[in-house]
Amino acid sequence: MKATRKHKDNRSRQARQSSYHYRISKAVAKVAKVILIVIGAIVGLTIGWLIKRIFRGIGWIISILSALGIIYWIITTL
């Protein structure tokens, strides 16, 4: 059985529609990926900034505890 012109036109129309939906879904996926990368970068920078401040605070605590330990050691050995 040979395909008539009507069937050929119908097939090409379906192919274009599926191609259009495929391109739209790919475009949406790319946009979603970019948005997730931007959000991830912002979250990563924020967490890095917080950890940096925490370690800076821990450095001060370690310095103070070391100074107190040295003072205690000097007082107890004299």
N, C-alpha and C. Protein backbone atom coordinates (compact mmCIF):
# COMPACT_ATOMS: atom_id res chain seq x y z
N MET A 1 0.85 -1.17 0.00
CA MET A 1 0.00 0.00 0.00
C MET A 1 0.89 1.23 0.00
N LYS A 2 0.57 2.10 -0.91
CA LYS A 2 1.38 3.29 -1.07
C LYS A 2 0.76 4.45 -0.26
N ALA A 3 1.63 5.24 0.41
CA ALA A 3 1.13 6.36 1.20
C ALA A 3 0.60 7.45 0.28
N THR A 4 -0.55 7.96 0.64
CA THR A 4 -1.13 9.04 -0.15
C THR A 4 -0.52 10.37 0.28
N ARG A 5 -0.80 11.38 -0.46
CA ARG A 5 -0.28 12.71 -0.16
C ARG A 5 -0.77 13.19 1.21
N LYS A 6 -2.00 12.85 1.55
CA LYS A 6 -2.56 13.26 2.84
C LYS A 6 -1.73 12.68 3.99
N HIS A 7 -1.35 11.41 3.88
CA HIS A 7 -0.55 10.79 4.93
C HIS A 7 0.83 11.42 5.02
N LYS A 8 1.42 11.71 3.91
CA LYS A 8 2.75 12.33 3.92
C LYS A 8 2.70 13.70 4.58
N ASP A 9 1.69 14.50 4.28
CA ASP A 9 1.55 15.82 4.89
C ASP A 9 1.32 15.71 6.40
N ASN A 10 0.50 14.74 6.77
CA ASN A 10 0.20 14.55 8.18
C ASN A 10 1.47 14.16 8.94
N ARG A 11 2.28 13.30 8.37
CA ARG A 11 3.52 12.90 9.02
C ARG A 11 4.49 14.06 9.18
N SER A 12 4.63 14.84 8.15
CA SER A 12 5.57 15.95 8.24
C SER A 12 5.10 16.97 9.27
N ARG A 13 3.80 17.16 9.39
CA ARG A 13 3.26 18.09 10.39
C ARG A 13 3.55 17.56 11.79
N GLN A 14 3.37 16.26 12.00
CA GLN A 14 3.67 15.68 13.30
C GLN A 14 5.15 15.78 13.62
N ALA A 15 5.96 15.57 12.63
CA ALA A 15 7.41 15.65 12.84
C ALA A 15 7.80 17.06 13.26
N ARG A 16 7.21 18.05 12.60
CA ARG A 16 7.52 19.44 12.97
C ARG A 16 7.05 19.74 14.38
N GLN A 17 5.87 19.23 14.75
CA GLN A 17 5.35 19.50 16.09
C GLN A 17 6.23 18.85 17.15
N SER A 18 6.62 17.61 16.94
CA SER A 18 7.45 16.96 17.93
C SER A 18 8.82 17.64 18.00
N SER A 19 9.32 18.09 16.85
CA SER A 19 10.59 18.79 16.83
C SER A 19 10.49 20.10 17.60
N TYR A 20 9.36 20.80 17.41
CA TYR A 20 9.15 22.07 18.12
C TYR A 20 9.11 21.83 19.63
N HIS A 21 8.37 20.82 20.05
CA HIS A 21 8.28 20.53 21.49
C HIS A 21 9.62 20.08 22.04
N TYR A 22 10.35 19.35 21.24
CA TYR A 22 11.68 18.91 21.66
C TYR A 22 12.59 20.10 21.87
N ARG A 23 12.56 21.05 20.91
CA ARG A 23 13.40 22.24 21.05
C ARG A 23 13.00 23.08 22.25
N ILE A 24 11.70 23.20 22.49
CA ILE A 24 11.22 23.96 23.65
C ILE A 24 11.68 23.28 24.94
N SER A 25 11.55 21.96 25.01
CA SER A 25 11.95 21.27 26.24
C SER A 25 13.46 21.40 26.45
N LYS A 26 14.24 21.36 25.37
CA LYS A 26 15.69 21.54 25.49
C LYS A 26 16.02 22.96 25.96
N ALA A 27 15.30 23.95 25.43
CA ALA A 27 15.55 25.33 25.83
C ALA A 27 15.19 25.53 27.30
N VAL A 28 14.09 24.95 27.73
CA VAL A 28 13.68 25.06 29.13
C VAL A 28 14.72 24.38 30.02
N ALA A 29 15.22 23.24 29.58
CA ALA A 29 16.24 22.53 30.36
C ALA A 29 17.51 23.37 30.47
N LYS A 30 17.91 24.04 29.40
CA LYS A 30 19.11 24.88 29.45
C LYS A 30 18.91 26.06 30.40
N VAL A 31 17.74 26.69 30.32
CA VAL A 31 17.46 27.82 31.22
C VAL A 31 17.45 27.36 32.67
N ALA A 32 16.83 26.20 32.93
CA ALA A 32 16.79 25.67 34.30
C ALA A 32 18.20 25.38 34.79
N LYS A 33 19.05 24.85 33.91
CA LYS A 33 20.43 24.53 34.29
C LYS A 33 21.19 25.80 34.64
N VAL A 34 21.02 26.85 33.85
CA VAL A 34 21.70 28.13 34.12
C VAL A 34 21.22 28.71 35.45
N ILE A 35 19.91 28.64 35.67
CA ILE A 35 19.36 29.18 36.92
C ILE A 35 19.92 28.40 38.12
N LEU A 36 19.98 27.07 38.00
CA LEU A 36 20.54 26.27 39.10
C LEU A 36 22.02 26.56 39.33
N ILE A 37 22.77 26.79 38.26
CA ILE A 37 24.18 27.13 38.42
C ILE A 37 24.34 28.46 39.15
N VAL A 38 23.52 29.45 38.78
CA VAL A 38 23.59 30.76 39.43
C VAL A 38 23.22 30.64 40.91
N ILE A 39 22.13 29.91 41.19
CA ILE A 39 21.72 29.73 42.59
C ILE A 39 22.80 28.99 43.37
N GLY A 40 23.39 27.96 42.76
CA GLY A 40 24.46 27.21 43.43
C GLY A 40 25.67 28.08 43.71
N ALA A 41 26.01 28.96 42.76
CA ALA A 41 27.14 29.86 42.97
C ALA A 41 26.87 30.82 44.12
N ILE A 42 25.66 31.35 44.17
CA ILE A 42 25.32 32.29 45.25
C ILE A 42 25.36 31.58 46.60
N VAL A 43 24.78 30.39 46.66
CA VAL A 43 24.78 29.63 47.92
C VAL A 43 26.21 29.27 48.33
N GLY A 44 27.01 28.84 47.36
CA GLY A 44 28.39 28.48 47.65
C GLY A 44 29.20 29.66 48.17
N LEU A 45 29.04 30.81 47.55
CA LEU A 45 29.76 32.00 48.01
C LEU A 45 29.31 32.42 49.40
N THR A 46 28.02 32.31 49.67
CA THR A 46 27.50 32.67 50.99
C THR A 46 28.04 31.72 52.06
N ILE A 47 28.02 30.44 51.78
CA ILE A 47 28.55 29.47 52.75
C ILE A 47 30.04 29.68 52.96
N GLY A 48 30.77 29.95 51.88
CA GLY A 48 32.21 30.23 52.01
C GLY A 48 32.47 31.45 52.87
N TRP A 49 31.66 32.48 52.68
CA TRP A 49 31.82 33.71 53.47
C TRP A 49 31.55 33.42 54.95
N LEU A 50 30.51 32.64 55.23
CA LEU A 50 30.19 32.31 56.63
C LEU A 50 31.28 31.46 57.27
N ILE A 51 31.77 30.47 56.54
CA ILE A 51 32.83 29.62 57.10
C ILE A 51 34.10 30.41 57.34
N LYS A 52 34.39 31.34 56.45
CA LYS A 52 35.57 32.19 56.63
C LYS A 52 35.45 33.00 57.92
N ARG A 53 34.28 33.56 58.15
CA ARG A 53 34.08 34.34 59.38
C ARG A 53 34.15 33.46 60.61
N ILE A 54 33.62 32.26 60.53
CA ILE A 54 33.65 31.34 61.67
C ILE A 54 35.10 30.96 62.01
N PHE A 55 35.89 30.63 60.96
CA PHE A 55 37.29 30.28 61.22
C PHE A 55 38.08 31.46 61.75
N ARG A 56 37.74 32.67 61.30
CA ARG A 56 38.42 33.85 61.84
C ARG A 56 38.09 33.98 63.32
N GLY A 57 36.84 33.74 63.69
CA GLY A 57 36.43 33.78 65.10
C GLY A 57 37.11 32.68 65.91
N ILE A 58 37.23 31.50 65.33
CA ILE A 58 37.90 30.39 66.02
C ILE A 58 39.37 30.72 66.24
N GLY A 59 39.98 31.40 65.28
CA GLY A 59 41.39 31.82 65.45
C GLY A 59 41.56 32.72 66.65
N TRP A 60 40.64 33.66 66.82
CA TRP A 60 40.70 34.54 68.00
C TRP A 60 40.53 33.74 69.28
N ILE A 61 39.61 32.81 69.28
CA ILE A 61 39.38 31.99 70.49
C ILE A 61 40.62 31.17 70.82
N ILE A 62 41.24 30.59 69.80
CA ILE A 62 42.47 29.81 70.04
C ILE A 62 43.58 30.70 70.57
N SER A 63 43.69 31.91 70.04
CA SER A 63 44.73 32.84 70.52
C SER A 63 44.49 33.22 71.98
N ILE A 64 43.26 33.51 72.32
CA ILE A 64 42.94 33.89 73.71
C ILE A 64 43.20 32.72 74.66
N LEU A 65 42.76 31.51 74.25
CA LEU A 65 43.00 30.34 75.11
C LEU A 65 44.49 30.05 75.26
N SER A 66 45.24 30.24 74.20
CA SER A 66 46.70 30.03 74.28
C SER A 66 47.33 31.05 75.23
N ALA A 67 46.92 32.30 75.13
CA ALA A 67 47.46 33.35 76.00
C ALA A 67 47.12 33.05 77.46
N LEU A 68 45.89 32.64 77.72
CA LEU A 68 45.50 32.29 79.09
C LEU A 68 46.29 31.09 79.60
N GLY A 69 46.49 30.09 78.71
CA GLY A 69 47.28 28.92 79.09
C GLY A 69 48.72 29.28 79.42
N ILE A 70 49.32 30.18 78.64
CA ILE A 70 50.70 30.61 78.89
C ILE A 70 50.79 31.38 80.20
N ILE A 71 49.82 32.28 80.43
CA ILE A 71 49.80 33.04 81.68
C ILE A 71 49.65 32.10 82.88
N TYR A 72 48.74 31.14 82.77
CA TYR A 72 48.56 30.17 83.86
C TYR A 72 49.84 29.36 84.09
N TRP A 73 50.49 28.94 83.01
CA TRP A 73 51.71 28.16 83.12
C TRP A 73 52.82 28.98 83.79
N ILE A 74 52.94 30.27 83.41
CA ILE A 74 53.97 31.13 84.02
C ILE A 74 53.70 31.33 85.50
N ILE A 75 52.42 31.55 85.84
CA ILE A 75 52.07 31.80 87.25
C ILE A 75 52.31 30.55 88.10
N THR A 76 51.96 29.40 87.60
CA THR A 76 52.10 28.17 88.39
C THR A 76 53.54 27.68 88.50
N THR A 77 54.41 28.04 87.56
CA THR A 77 55.79 27.57 87.64
C THR A 77 56.68 28.50 88.46
N LEU A 78 56.24 29.68 88.73
CA LEU A 78 57.08 30.60 89.52
C LEU A 78 56.84 30.45 90.97
